[in-house]
N, C-alpha and C. Protein backbone atom coordinates (compact mmCIF):
# COMPACT_ATOMS: atom_id res chain seq x y z
N MET A 1 42.58 -66.68 140.67
CA MET A 1 41.67 -65.54 140.52
C MET A 1 40.87 -65.73 139.27
N SER A 2 39.59 -65.70 139.39
CA SER A 2 38.73 -65.97 138.19
C SER A 2 38.54 -64.73 137.36
N LYS A 3 38.40 -64.97 135.96
CA LYS A 3 38.21 -63.87 135.00
C LYS A 3 36.77 -63.41 135.02
N PRO A 4 36.61 -62.15 134.85
CA PRO A 4 35.23 -61.68 134.79
C PRO A 4 34.52 -62.15 133.53
N PRO A 5 33.28 -62.39 133.61
CA PRO A 5 32.55 -62.91 132.43
C PRO A 5 32.55 -61.91 131.29
N VAL A 6 32.76 -62.48 130.10
CA VAL A 6 32.80 -61.64 128.87
C VAL A 6 31.37 -61.36 128.43
N GLN A 7 31.10 -60.11 128.26
CA GLN A 7 29.74 -59.71 127.79
C GLN A 7 29.68 -59.70 126.27
N THR A 8 28.75 -60.43 125.78
CA THR A 8 28.56 -60.52 124.30
C THR A 8 27.31 -59.77 123.90
N THR A 9 27.45 -59.12 122.82
CA THR A 9 26.28 -58.36 122.29
C THR A 9 25.68 -59.11 121.11
N ALA A 10 24.48 -59.54 121.30
CA ALA A 10 23.81 -60.30 120.20
C ALA A 10 23.26 -59.33 119.15
N VAL A 11 23.60 -59.63 117.95
CA VAL A 11 23.10 -58.79 116.82
C VAL A 11 21.73 -59.29 116.40
N ARG A 12 20.76 -58.45 116.57
CA ARG A 12 19.38 -58.86 116.24
C ARG A 12 19.11 -58.60 114.74
N ALA A 13 18.69 -59.64 114.12
CA ALA A 13 18.39 -59.53 112.66
C ALA A 13 17.11 -58.73 112.45
N LYS A 14 17.17 -57.86 111.45
CA LYS A 14 15.99 -57.03 111.11
C LYS A 14 14.93 -57.84 110.37
N ALA A 15 13.70 -57.69 110.83
CA ALA A 15 12.60 -58.41 110.15
C ALA A 15 12.33 -57.79 108.78
N PRO A 16 12.05 -58.62 107.75
CA PRO A 16 11.79 -58.07 106.39
C PRO A 16 10.49 -57.28 106.36
N TYR A 17 10.50 -56.25 105.46
CA TYR A 17 9.28 -55.44 105.33
C TYR A 17 8.17 -56.27 104.68
N PRO A 18 6.95 -56.11 105.14
CA PRO A 18 5.85 -56.89 104.50
C PRO A 18 5.59 -56.38 103.07
N PRO A 19 5.18 -57.28 102.14
CA PRO A 19 4.91 -56.85 100.75
C PRO A 19 3.74 -55.88 100.71
N PRO A 20 3.79 -54.95 99.72
CA PRO A 20 2.69 -53.98 99.63
C PRO A 20 1.38 -54.66 99.30
N PRO A 21 0.31 -54.21 99.88
CA PRO A 21 -1.00 -54.85 99.61
C PRO A 21 -1.42 -54.63 98.16
N PRO A 22 -2.12 -55.61 97.57
CA PRO A 22 -2.60 -55.44 96.18
C PRO A 22 -3.61 -54.33 96.09
N PRO A 23 -3.71 -53.70 94.87
CA PRO A 23 -4.68 -52.60 94.72
C PRO A 23 -6.08 -53.10 94.91
N GLN A 24 -6.83 -52.35 95.65
CA GLN A 24 -8.20 -52.74 95.93
C GLN A 24 -9.09 -52.38 94.74
N GLN A 25 -10.01 -53.28 94.42
CA GLN A 25 -10.96 -53.07 93.32
C GLN A 25 -12.36 -53.07 93.87
N THR A 26 -13.13 -52.24 93.28
CA THR A 26 -14.54 -52.19 93.68
C THR A 26 -15.23 -53.44 93.19
N PRO A 27 -16.05 -54.07 94.01
CA PRO A 27 -16.74 -55.30 93.56
C PRO A 27 -17.57 -55.03 92.31
N GLY A 28 -17.51 -55.97 91.35
CA GLY A 28 -18.27 -55.83 90.10
C GLY A 28 -17.50 -55.19 89.01
N GLN A 29 -16.29 -54.64 89.29
CA GLN A 29 -15.48 -54.02 88.26
C GLN A 29 -14.32 -54.93 87.92
N HIS A 30 -13.90 -54.86 86.68
CA HIS A 30 -12.79 -55.67 86.19
C HIS A 30 -11.72 -54.74 85.69
N PRO A 31 -10.54 -55.23 85.67
CA PRO A 31 -9.46 -54.38 85.14
C PRO A 31 -9.76 -53.96 83.71
N ARG A 32 -9.50 -52.73 83.41
CA ARG A 32 -9.76 -52.20 82.07
C ARG A 32 -8.79 -52.82 81.08
N GLN A 33 -9.35 -53.36 80.02
CA GLN A 33 -8.53 -53.96 78.98
C GLN A 33 -8.76 -53.21 77.69
N SER A 34 -7.70 -53.10 76.97
CA SER A 34 -7.82 -52.43 75.67
C SER A 34 -8.57 -53.32 74.72
N PRO A 35 -9.50 -52.77 73.92
CA PRO A 35 -10.28 -53.61 72.99
C PRO A 35 -9.38 -54.28 71.99
N PRO A 36 -9.69 -55.56 71.67
CA PRO A 36 -8.84 -56.30 70.73
C PRO A 36 -8.96 -55.72 69.33
N GLY A 37 -7.89 -55.85 68.64
CA GLY A 37 -7.90 -55.45 67.23
C GLY A 37 -7.64 -53.99 67.01
N GLN A 38 -7.55 -53.19 68.07
CA GLN A 38 -7.28 -51.77 67.87
C GLN A 38 -5.82 -51.50 68.20
N GLY A 39 -5.13 -51.11 67.25
CA GLY A 39 -3.72 -50.81 67.45
C GLY A 39 -3.51 -49.32 67.64
N TYR A 40 -2.33 -48.99 67.86
CA TYR A 40 -1.99 -47.57 68.07
C TYR A 40 -2.00 -46.87 66.73
N SER A 41 -2.77 -45.81 66.66
CA SER A 41 -2.84 -45.04 65.43
C SER A 41 -1.87 -43.88 65.52
N ARG A 42 -1.23 -43.66 64.44
CA ARG A 42 -0.22 -42.61 64.40
C ARG A 42 -0.87 -41.25 64.54
N PRO A 43 -0.37 -40.43 65.45
CA PRO A 43 -1.01 -39.11 65.64
C PRO A 43 -0.96 -38.30 64.35
N GLY A 44 -2.06 -37.61 64.09
CA GLY A 44 -2.10 -36.72 62.92
C GLY A 44 -2.53 -37.41 61.65
N THR A 45 -2.77 -38.72 61.67
CA THR A 45 -3.19 -39.45 60.47
C THR A 45 -4.64 -39.87 60.67
N PRO A 46 -5.60 -39.14 60.11
CA PRO A 46 -7.02 -39.50 60.32
C PRO A 46 -7.35 -40.79 59.58
N GLN A 47 -8.19 -41.59 60.16
CA GLN A 47 -8.63 -42.83 59.55
C GLN A 47 -9.99 -42.62 58.90
N ALA A 48 -10.10 -43.08 57.67
CA ALA A 48 -11.36 -42.93 56.94
C ALA A 48 -12.40 -43.84 57.56
N PRO A 49 -13.60 -43.32 57.80
CA PRO A 49 -14.64 -44.19 58.38
C PRO A 49 -15.07 -45.25 57.38
N GLY A 50 -15.36 -46.42 57.89
CA GLY A 50 -15.79 -47.52 57.04
C GLY A 50 -17.19 -47.28 56.50
N PRO A 51 -17.57 -47.95 55.41
CA PRO A 51 -18.92 -47.77 54.83
C PRO A 51 -19.98 -48.22 55.81
N GLN A 52 -21.03 -47.45 55.87
CA GLN A 52 -22.13 -47.79 56.75
C GLN A 52 -23.10 -48.69 56.00
N VAL A 53 -23.34 -49.85 56.55
CA VAL A 53 -24.24 -50.82 55.94
C VAL A 53 -25.59 -50.71 56.62
N PRO A 54 -26.65 -50.41 55.88
CA PRO A 54 -27.97 -50.31 56.52
C PRO A 54 -28.40 -51.65 57.07
N PRO A 55 -29.15 -51.64 58.12
CA PRO A 55 -29.60 -52.92 58.69
C PRO A 55 -30.51 -53.65 57.72
N TYR A 56 -30.46 -54.94 57.78
CA TYR A 56 -31.26 -55.78 56.87
C TYR A 56 -32.74 -55.66 57.21
N GLN A 57 -33.51 -55.45 56.18
CA GLN A 57 -34.96 -55.38 56.34
C GLN A 57 -35.59 -56.45 55.50
N PRO A 58 -36.34 -57.34 56.09
CA PRO A 58 -36.97 -58.41 55.30
C PRO A 58 -38.01 -57.83 54.36
N PRO A 59 -38.21 -58.44 53.18
CA PRO A 59 -39.21 -57.92 52.23
C PRO A 59 -40.61 -57.98 52.81
N ARG A 60 -41.35 -56.94 52.50
CA ARG A 60 -42.72 -56.88 52.98
C ARG A 60 -43.62 -57.68 52.07
N GLN A 61 -44.50 -58.43 52.66
CA GLN A 61 -45.43 -59.23 51.89
C GLN A 61 -46.67 -58.41 51.60
N VAL A 62 -47.10 -58.47 50.35
CA VAL A 62 -48.28 -57.72 49.92
C VAL A 62 -49.35 -58.71 49.55
N SER A 63 -50.51 -58.47 50.02
CA SER A 63 -51.60 -59.38 49.72
C SER A 63 -51.90 -59.35 48.24
N PRO A 64 -52.20 -60.49 47.63
CA PRO A 64 -52.50 -60.49 46.19
C PRO A 64 -53.75 -59.70 45.89
N GLY A 65 -53.71 -59.01 44.76
CA GLY A 65 -54.85 -58.21 44.34
C GLY A 65 -54.78 -56.77 44.78
N PHE A 66 -53.73 -56.40 45.60
CA PHE A 66 -53.58 -55.02 46.04
C PHE A 66 -52.22 -54.53 45.65
N PRO A 67 -52.08 -53.29 45.24
CA PRO A 67 -50.78 -52.76 44.81
C PRO A 67 -49.86 -52.59 45.98
N ALA A 68 -48.53 -52.63 45.71
CA ALA A 68 -47.53 -52.43 46.75
C ALA A 68 -47.56 -50.98 47.21
N PRO A 69 -47.16 -50.72 48.49
CA PRO A 69 -47.18 -49.33 48.99
C PRO A 69 -46.29 -48.44 48.15
N GLY A 70 -46.74 -47.23 47.86
CA GLY A 70 -45.95 -46.27 47.10
C GLY A 70 -46.06 -46.43 45.61
N VAL A 71 -46.75 -47.47 45.14
CA VAL A 71 -46.87 -47.69 43.70
C VAL A 71 -48.32 -47.46 43.31
N PRO A 72 -48.58 -46.53 42.40
CA PRO A 72 -49.97 -46.31 41.99
C PRO A 72 -50.51 -47.54 41.31
N GLY A 73 -51.40 -48.21 41.97
CA GLY A 73 -51.82 -49.53 41.49
C GLY A 73 -52.96 -49.45 40.51
N ARG A 74 -53.00 -50.44 39.69
CA ARG A 74 -54.11 -50.60 38.78
C ARG A 74 -54.48 -52.06 38.82
N ARG A 75 -55.65 -52.32 39.26
CA ARG A 75 -56.06 -53.70 39.42
C ARG A 75 -56.27 -54.33 38.05
N VAL A 76 -55.62 -55.43 37.86
CA VAL A 76 -55.67 -56.10 36.57
C VAL A 76 -56.56 -57.32 36.70
N THR A 77 -57.53 -57.40 35.87
CA THR A 77 -58.43 -58.55 35.86
C THR A 77 -58.10 -59.39 34.64
N GLU A 78 -57.68 -60.60 34.90
CA GLU A 78 -57.30 -61.49 33.81
C GLU A 78 -58.52 -62.28 33.36
N ALA A 79 -58.77 -62.18 32.06
CA ALA A 79 -59.88 -62.94 31.51
C ALA A 79 -59.44 -64.38 31.29
N PRO A 80 -60.30 -65.33 31.52
CA PRO A 80 -59.91 -66.73 31.31
C PRO A 80 -59.54 -66.97 29.86
N ALA A 81 -58.45 -67.67 29.69
CA ALA A 81 -57.97 -67.93 28.33
C ALA A 81 -58.90 -68.90 27.64
N SER A 82 -59.13 -68.67 26.38
CA SER A 82 -59.98 -69.55 25.60
C SER A 82 -59.15 -70.17 24.50
N PRO A 83 -59.43 -71.39 24.15
CA PRO A 83 -58.64 -72.04 23.10
C PRO A 83 -58.80 -71.32 21.77
N LEU A 84 -57.70 -71.16 21.06
CA LEU A 84 -57.73 -70.49 19.77
C LEU A 84 -58.21 -71.45 18.71
N SER A 85 -58.89 -70.90 17.74
CA SER A 85 -59.33 -71.73 16.62
C SER A 85 -58.12 -72.18 15.82
N PRO A 86 -58.04 -73.44 15.50
CA PRO A 86 -56.89 -73.90 14.73
C PRO A 86 -56.89 -73.27 13.35
N PRO A 87 -55.74 -72.81 12.87
CA PRO A 87 -55.70 -72.18 11.55
C PRO A 87 -55.92 -73.20 10.45
N VAL A 88 -56.44 -72.70 9.35
CA VAL A 88 -56.60 -73.55 8.17
C VAL A 88 -55.23 -73.99 7.69
N SER A 89 -55.15 -75.14 7.11
CA SER A 89 -53.86 -75.68 6.68
C SER A 89 -53.06 -74.65 5.90
N ALA A 90 -51.81 -74.46 6.35
CA ALA A 90 -50.95 -73.48 5.69
C ALA A 90 -50.52 -73.94 4.30
N GLY A 91 -50.82 -75.19 3.98
CA GLY A 91 -50.42 -75.70 2.67
C GLY A 91 -51.33 -75.25 1.54
N ALA A 92 -52.48 -74.63 1.89
CA ALA A 92 -53.39 -74.17 0.84
C ALA A 92 -52.72 -73.07 0.03
N GLU A 93 -52.76 -73.21 -1.28
CA GLU A 93 -52.10 -72.24 -2.16
C GLU A 93 -53.09 -71.16 -2.58
N ALA A 94 -52.59 -69.95 -2.67
CA ALA A 94 -53.43 -68.83 -3.10
C ALA A 94 -53.76 -68.97 -4.59
N PRO A 95 -54.99 -68.64 -4.99
CA PRO A 95 -55.36 -68.75 -6.40
C PRO A 95 -54.74 -67.66 -7.27
N ALA A 96 -54.05 -66.71 -6.67
CA ALA A 96 -53.40 -65.62 -7.41
C ALA A 96 -52.13 -65.23 -6.67
N PRO A 97 -51.22 -64.51 -7.33
CA PRO A 97 -49.99 -64.11 -6.66
C PRO A 97 -50.29 -63.34 -5.36
N PHE A 98 -49.51 -63.66 -4.33
CA PHE A 98 -49.69 -62.99 -3.04
C PHE A 98 -48.33 -62.64 -2.45
N PRO A 99 -48.19 -61.40 -1.99
CA PRO A 99 -49.19 -60.32 -1.99
C PRO A 99 -49.44 -59.78 -3.40
N PRO A 100 -50.66 -59.35 -3.67
CA PRO A 100 -51.00 -58.88 -5.01
C PRO A 100 -50.40 -57.50 -5.28
N HIS A 101 -50.13 -57.26 -6.56
CA HIS A 101 -49.57 -55.97 -6.97
C HIS A 101 -50.53 -55.20 -7.89
N THR A 102 -51.62 -55.83 -8.28
CA THR A 102 -52.62 -55.16 -9.12
C THR A 102 -54.01 -55.46 -8.56
N MET A 103 -54.99 -54.66 -8.95
CA MET A 103 -56.36 -54.89 -8.50
C MET A 103 -56.89 -56.21 -9.04
N GLN A 104 -56.45 -56.59 -10.24
CA GLN A 104 -56.90 -57.86 -10.80
C GLN A 104 -56.43 -59.03 -9.94
N GLN A 105 -55.17 -58.99 -9.48
CA GLN A 105 -54.65 -60.05 -8.61
C GLN A 105 -55.36 -60.03 -7.25
N LEU A 106 -55.67 -58.83 -6.75
CA LEU A 106 -56.35 -58.74 -5.46
C LEU A 106 -57.74 -59.38 -5.52
N LYS A 107 -58.51 -59.03 -6.54
CA LYS A 107 -59.87 -59.56 -6.64
C LYS A 107 -59.89 -61.04 -6.97
N ALA A 108 -58.81 -61.55 -7.57
CA ALA A 108 -58.75 -62.98 -7.88
C ALA A 108 -58.64 -63.83 -6.62
N LEU A 109 -58.22 -63.24 -5.52
CA LEU A 109 -58.09 -64.00 -4.27
C LEU A 109 -59.44 -64.32 -3.65
N GLU A 110 -60.48 -63.61 -4.04
CA GLU A 110 -61.79 -63.75 -3.39
C GLU A 110 -62.35 -65.16 -3.50
N GLN A 111 -61.97 -65.90 -4.53
CA GLN A 111 -62.52 -67.25 -4.69
C GLN A 111 -62.06 -68.20 -3.57
N GLY A 112 -61.04 -67.82 -2.80
CA GLY A 112 -60.60 -68.65 -1.68
C GLY A 112 -61.13 -68.16 -0.34
N ALA A 113 -62.19 -67.34 -0.34
CA ALA A 113 -62.71 -66.76 0.90
C ALA A 113 -63.40 -67.82 1.75
N LEU A 114 -63.42 -67.58 3.07
CA LEU A 114 -64.07 -68.46 4.04
C LEU A 114 -65.42 -67.89 4.43
N ASN A 115 -66.25 -68.72 5.04
CA ASN A 115 -67.53 -68.25 5.55
C ASN A 115 -67.30 -67.40 6.81
N TYR A 116 -68.18 -66.43 7.02
CA TYR A 116 -68.02 -65.52 8.16
C TYR A 116 -69.38 -65.17 8.73
N ASN A 117 -69.38 -64.60 9.94
CA ASN A 117 -70.58 -64.10 10.59
C ASN A 117 -70.35 -62.65 10.99
N VAL A 118 -71.34 -61.80 10.76
CA VAL A 118 -71.25 -60.40 11.16
C VAL A 118 -71.48 -60.31 12.66
N VAL A 119 -70.52 -59.72 13.38
CA VAL A 119 -70.61 -59.58 14.84
C VAL A 119 -71.23 -58.24 15.23
N SER A 120 -70.79 -57.16 14.57
CA SER A 120 -71.31 -55.84 14.92
C SER A 120 -71.14 -54.89 13.74
N GLU A 121 -71.96 -53.86 13.73
CA GLU A 121 -71.88 -52.79 12.74
C GLU A 121 -71.98 -51.45 13.47
N GLU A 122 -71.18 -50.49 13.03
CA GLU A 122 -71.17 -49.18 13.69
C GLU A 122 -71.00 -48.09 12.65
N GLU A 123 -71.87 -47.10 12.69
CA GLU A 123 -71.78 -45.95 11.80
C GLU A 123 -71.23 -44.76 12.58
N SER A 124 -70.41 -43.97 11.93
CA SER A 124 -69.82 -42.80 12.58
C SER A 124 -69.85 -41.62 11.61
N VAL A 125 -69.43 -40.46 12.13
CA VAL A 125 -69.49 -39.24 11.32
C VAL A 125 -68.56 -39.37 10.12
N GLY A 126 -68.84 -38.57 9.11
CA GLY A 126 -68.03 -38.61 7.90
C GLY A 126 -68.42 -39.74 6.97
N ARG A 127 -69.69 -40.21 7.11
CA ARG A 127 -70.19 -41.29 6.25
C ARG A 127 -69.23 -42.49 6.30
N LYS A 128 -69.00 -42.94 7.52
CA LYS A 128 -68.06 -44.03 7.77
C LYS A 128 -68.78 -45.17 8.49
N LYS A 129 -68.47 -46.40 8.09
CA LYS A 129 -69.10 -47.58 8.70
C LYS A 129 -68.03 -48.63 8.99
N THR A 130 -68.11 -49.20 10.20
CA THR A 130 -67.18 -50.25 10.61
C THR A 130 -67.96 -51.52 10.88
N ILE A 131 -67.53 -52.61 10.26
CA ILE A 131 -68.20 -53.90 10.39
C ILE A 131 -67.18 -54.91 10.91
N ARG A 132 -67.54 -55.61 11.98
CA ARG A 132 -66.66 -56.65 12.53
C ARG A 132 -67.25 -58.01 12.16
N ILE A 133 -66.40 -58.86 11.62
CA ILE A 133 -66.85 -60.19 11.21
C ILE A 133 -66.00 -61.25 11.92
N LEU A 134 -66.62 -62.38 12.17
CA LEU A 134 -65.96 -63.49 12.85
C LEU A 134 -65.81 -64.65 11.89
N TYR A 135 -64.60 -65.14 11.76
CA TYR A 135 -64.37 -66.31 10.92
C TYR A 135 -63.11 -67.03 11.41
N GLN A 136 -62.94 -68.22 10.88
CA GLN A 136 -61.87 -69.09 11.36
C GLN A 136 -60.49 -68.47 11.15
N ARG A 137 -59.62 -68.71 12.11
CA ARG A 137 -58.24 -68.24 11.96
C ARG A 137 -57.62 -68.91 10.74
N CYS A 138 -56.95 -68.11 9.91
CA CYS A 138 -56.48 -68.65 8.63
C CYS A 138 -55.21 -67.94 8.20
N THR A 139 -54.74 -68.33 7.01
CA THR A 139 -53.50 -67.78 6.47
C THR A 139 -53.74 -66.34 5.98
N PRO A 140 -52.67 -65.56 5.80
CA PRO A 140 -52.84 -64.16 5.38
C PRO A 140 -53.63 -64.00 4.09
N TRP A 141 -53.36 -64.81 3.08
CA TRP A 141 -54.07 -64.61 1.82
C TRP A 141 -55.55 -64.94 1.98
N GLN A 142 -55.89 -65.91 2.85
CA GLN A 142 -57.29 -66.22 3.08
C GLN A 142 -57.98 -65.11 3.87
N GLN A 143 -57.24 -64.43 4.73
CA GLN A 143 -57.81 -63.27 5.42
C GLN A 143 -58.20 -62.19 4.40
N VAL A 144 -57.29 -61.92 3.48
CA VAL A 144 -57.57 -60.91 2.45
C VAL A 144 -58.77 -61.32 1.61
N ALA A 145 -58.83 -62.59 1.25
CA ALA A 145 -59.94 -63.08 0.43
C ALA A 145 -61.28 -62.94 1.16
N THR A 146 -61.31 -63.29 2.44
CA THR A 146 -62.55 -63.22 3.22
C THR A 146 -62.97 -61.77 3.44
N LEU A 147 -62.01 -60.89 3.69
CA LEU A 147 -62.33 -59.47 3.87
C LEU A 147 -62.91 -58.88 2.58
N LEU A 148 -62.35 -59.27 1.45
CA LEU A 148 -62.88 -58.79 0.16
C LEU A 148 -64.32 -59.26 -0.06
N LYS A 149 -64.56 -60.53 0.30
CA LYS A 149 -65.91 -61.07 0.14
C LYS A 149 -66.90 -60.30 1.02
N ALA A 150 -66.51 -60.02 2.27
CA ALA A 150 -67.39 -59.28 3.17
C ALA A 150 -67.63 -57.86 2.66
N LEU A 151 -66.59 -57.21 2.13
CA LEU A 151 -66.77 -55.86 1.59
C LEU A 151 -67.74 -55.87 0.42
N LYS A 152 -67.62 -56.85 -0.44
CA LYS A 152 -68.50 -56.94 -1.61
C LYS A 152 -69.95 -57.12 -1.18
N GLU A 153 -70.17 -57.93 -0.13
CA GLU A 153 -71.53 -58.23 0.31
C GLU A 153 -72.11 -57.13 1.21
N GLN A 154 -71.25 -56.33 1.87
CA GLN A 154 -71.71 -55.28 2.77
C GLN A 154 -71.56 -53.88 2.15
N GLN A 155 -71.25 -53.83 0.86
CA GLN A 155 -71.01 -52.56 0.19
C GLN A 155 -72.29 -51.71 0.15
N SER A 156 -72.11 -50.39 0.31
CA SER A 156 -73.24 -49.46 0.25
C SER A 156 -72.73 -48.10 -0.22
N ASP A 157 -73.46 -47.52 -1.18
CA ASP A 157 -73.07 -46.20 -1.69
C ASP A 157 -73.33 -45.10 -0.67
N LYS A 158 -73.99 -45.44 0.42
CA LYS A 158 -74.30 -44.45 1.45
C LYS A 158 -73.05 -44.00 2.21
N PHE A 159 -72.00 -44.82 2.18
CA PHE A 159 -70.80 -44.54 2.97
C PHE A 159 -69.59 -44.33 2.06
N ASN A 160 -68.78 -43.36 2.42
CA ASN A 160 -67.53 -43.13 1.69
C ASN A 160 -66.39 -44.00 2.21
N THR A 161 -66.48 -44.42 3.45
CA THR A 161 -65.44 -45.27 4.04
C THR A 161 -66.11 -46.47 4.70
N ILE A 162 -65.66 -47.65 4.34
CA ILE A 162 -66.16 -48.89 4.94
C ILE A 162 -64.95 -49.67 5.45
N ILE A 163 -64.98 -50.03 6.72
CA ILE A 163 -63.89 -50.79 7.34
C ILE A 163 -64.42 -52.15 7.75
N ILE A 164 -63.77 -53.19 7.26
CA ILE A 164 -64.11 -54.56 7.63
C ILE A 164 -63.00 -55.08 8.55
N GLN A 165 -63.35 -55.42 9.79
CA GLN A 165 -62.38 -55.94 10.75
C GLN A 165 -62.68 -57.41 11.03
N GLY A 166 -61.65 -58.24 10.86
CA GLY A 166 -61.81 -59.66 11.10
C GLY A 166 -61.29 -60.08 12.47
N ILE A 167 -62.03 -60.95 13.14
CA ILE A 167 -61.60 -61.53 14.41
C ILE A 167 -61.85 -63.03 14.36
N TYR A 168 -61.13 -63.78 15.21
CA TYR A 168 -61.35 -65.23 15.24
C TYR A 168 -61.82 -65.71 16.60
N ARG A 169 -62.10 -64.80 17.53
CA ARG A 169 -62.69 -65.17 18.82
C ARG A 169 -63.42 -63.95 19.37
N GLN A 170 -64.54 -64.20 20.04
CA GLN A 170 -65.35 -63.10 20.56
C GLN A 170 -64.93 -62.81 22.00
N GLU A 171 -63.84 -62.09 22.16
CA GLU A 171 -63.35 -61.69 23.47
C GLU A 171 -62.77 -60.29 23.35
N ASN A 172 -62.70 -59.62 24.49
CA ASN A 172 -62.06 -58.30 24.50
C ASN A 172 -60.60 -58.45 24.14
N ASP A 173 -60.16 -57.69 23.19
CA ASP A 173 -58.79 -57.80 22.72
C ASP A 173 -58.19 -56.40 22.63
N PRO A 174 -56.91 -56.24 23.01
CA PRO A 174 -56.31 -54.89 22.93
C PRO A 174 -56.23 -54.36 21.51
N TYR A 175 -56.31 -55.25 20.51
CA TYR A 175 -56.25 -54.82 19.12
C TYR A 175 -57.67 -54.77 18.56
N GLY A 176 -57.89 -53.86 17.64
CA GLY A 176 -59.22 -53.75 17.06
C GLY A 176 -59.58 -54.94 16.20
N PHE A 177 -58.58 -55.61 15.67
CA PHE A 177 -58.81 -56.79 14.83
C PHE A 177 -57.66 -57.77 15.05
N THR A 178 -57.93 -59.03 14.83
CA THR A 178 -56.92 -60.08 15.00
C THR A 178 -56.83 -60.99 13.78
N ASN A 179 -57.74 -60.82 12.84
CA ASN A 179 -57.78 -61.70 11.68
C ASN A 179 -57.83 -60.88 10.39
N GLY A 180 -57.14 -59.74 10.41
CA GLY A 180 -57.06 -58.91 9.22
C GLY A 180 -58.06 -57.75 9.22
N GLN A 181 -57.75 -56.72 8.45
CA GLN A 181 -58.63 -55.56 8.30
C GLN A 181 -58.52 -55.01 6.89
N LEU A 182 -59.66 -54.58 6.36
CA LEU A 182 -59.71 -53.95 5.03
C LEU A 182 -60.43 -52.62 5.18
N GLN A 183 -59.81 -51.56 4.68
CA GLN A 183 -60.45 -50.24 4.66
C GLN A 183 -60.62 -49.80 3.22
N PHE A 184 -61.87 -49.53 2.88
CA PHE A 184 -62.21 -49.09 1.53
C PHE A 184 -62.61 -47.62 1.60
N ASP A 185 -61.91 -46.78 0.82
CA ASP A 185 -62.19 -45.35 0.76
C ASP A 185 -62.66 -45.00 -0.64
N ARG A 186 -63.83 -44.39 -0.70
CA ARG A 186 -64.41 -44.03 -1.99
C ARG A 186 -64.07 -42.58 -2.35
N ASN A 187 -63.84 -42.35 -3.66
CA ASN A 187 -63.60 -41.00 -4.18
C ASN A 187 -62.42 -40.31 -3.50
N VAL A 188 -61.30 -40.98 -3.53
CA VAL A 188 -60.08 -40.42 -2.96
C VAL A 188 -59.35 -39.65 -4.06
N ARG A 189 -58.98 -38.41 -3.77
CA ARG A 189 -58.29 -37.61 -4.78
C ARG A 189 -56.80 -37.93 -4.74
N LEU A 190 -56.26 -38.34 -5.86
CA LEU A 190 -54.84 -38.64 -6.01
C LEU A 190 -54.31 -37.79 -7.16
N GLY A 191 -53.77 -36.63 -6.82
CA GLY A 191 -53.36 -35.70 -7.86
C GLY A 191 -54.59 -35.14 -8.55
N SER A 192 -54.68 -35.37 -9.83
CA SER A 192 -55.84 -34.90 -10.59
C SER A 192 -56.87 -36.00 -10.79
N GLN A 193 -56.64 -37.17 -10.19
CA GLN A 193 -57.53 -38.31 -10.38
C GLN A 193 -58.36 -38.57 -9.12
N ILE A 194 -59.54 -39.12 -9.33
CA ILE A 194 -60.43 -39.57 -8.26
C ILE A 194 -60.47 -41.09 -8.32
N THR A 195 -60.05 -41.74 -7.26
CA THR A 195 -59.95 -43.20 -7.28
C THR A 195 -60.61 -43.79 -6.03
N ASN A 196 -60.77 -45.10 -6.06
CA ASN A 196 -61.20 -45.87 -4.89
C ASN A 196 -59.97 -46.61 -4.35
N ARG A 197 -59.76 -46.51 -3.04
CA ARG A 197 -58.53 -47.05 -2.46
C ARG A 197 -58.84 -48.22 -1.52
N TYR A 198 -58.01 -49.25 -1.61
CA TYR A 198 -58.11 -50.44 -0.75
C TYR A 198 -56.84 -50.53 0.10
N GLN A 199 -57.03 -50.56 1.40
CA GLN A 199 -55.91 -50.75 2.32
C GLN A 199 -56.18 -52.00 3.16
N VAL A 200 -55.29 -52.97 3.05
CA VAL A 200 -55.49 -54.26 3.72
C VAL A 200 -54.30 -54.55 4.62
N GLU A 201 -54.59 -55.05 5.81
CA GLU A 201 -53.56 -55.51 6.74
C GLU A 201 -53.95 -56.89 7.25
N THR A 202 -52.98 -57.77 7.41
CA THR A 202 -53.26 -59.11 7.90
C THR A 202 -52.90 -59.21 9.38
N GLY A 203 -53.40 -60.26 10.03
CA GLY A 203 -53.13 -60.44 11.46
C GLY A 203 -53.76 -59.31 12.26
N ASN A 204 -52.98 -58.76 13.20
CA ASN A 204 -53.45 -57.60 13.96
C ASN A 204 -52.76 -56.31 13.54
N GLY A 205 -51.95 -56.39 12.48
CA GLY A 205 -51.27 -55.22 11.97
C GLY A 205 -49.93 -54.94 12.62
N PHE A 206 -49.61 -55.64 13.73
CA PHE A 206 -48.36 -55.40 14.44
C PHE A 206 -47.46 -56.63 14.46
N GLU A 207 -47.89 -57.71 13.89
CA GLU A 207 -47.09 -58.92 13.88
C GLU A 207 -45.93 -58.77 12.90
N ILE A 208 -44.88 -59.57 13.15
CA ILE A 208 -43.69 -59.48 12.29
C ILE A 208 -44.03 -59.86 10.85
N ASP A 209 -44.88 -60.87 10.70
CA ASP A 209 -45.19 -61.36 9.35
C ASP A 209 -46.47 -60.73 8.79
N SER A 210 -46.94 -59.64 9.40
CA SER A 210 -48.14 -58.99 8.86
C SER A 210 -47.86 -58.42 7.47
N VAL A 211 -48.86 -58.53 6.60
CA VAL A 211 -48.75 -58.04 5.22
C VAL A 211 -49.64 -56.81 5.08
N ARG A 212 -49.12 -55.77 4.45
CA ARG A 212 -49.88 -54.55 4.20
C ARG A 212 -49.98 -54.32 2.70
N ILE A 213 -51.20 -54.10 2.24
CA ILE A 213 -51.46 -53.92 0.81
C ILE A 213 -52.22 -52.61 0.62
N VAL A 214 -51.78 -51.81 -0.33
CA VAL A 214 -52.47 -50.56 -0.68
C VAL A 214 -52.58 -50.52 -2.20
N LEU A 215 -53.81 -50.57 -2.69
CA LEU A 215 -54.05 -50.53 -4.14
C LEU A 215 -55.22 -49.60 -4.42
N SER A 216 -55.25 -49.07 -5.63
CA SER A 216 -56.31 -48.15 -6.04
C SER A 216 -56.85 -48.58 -7.39
N GLU A 217 -58.11 -48.18 -7.66
CA GLU A 217 -58.72 -48.43 -8.98
C GLU A 217 -59.52 -47.22 -9.42
């Protein structure tokens, strides 16, 4: 007698679940990334803003002869430089003590005076006359000597004040004189006395080595 066939139950293996699909991204977009260099800041601690640097601006070029914007301009006209007259040898010795301390010493310098030419004469109120003379650039004592000579030759009782201004070049100069000046004042009251006063300055009056002399007689 044959056995009935044994029924077997096959165990069917479960198929694995498919992996989840990746997140879809819109075309043209990239995953958001945190900017480099920025760390987590502690809450409640404000960060001081960094200094603001203005953008670089190249310097503006200004055409020559015109003032820069915002600056009240004054057009400067430079006169062509002219060669200066060479000074007389500095080795020449004064015929009297210099600077002089008496009228006798002052007048003794006149023998070393140089030749000069009268450039201009001007009369003004108060019986005042100004004479500009041109002569060679020279040492201080020779300036005084030449100014004295010019005063003696241009003297006039018509004026109470006579000013002799020396120059060594005929050009516009910011100073009234460049080669010494002598101012003679007549009948100056000094206390109870009436005197004549001589005021002499060498150079242009502002130089370091300028000499100033004031004497009366």
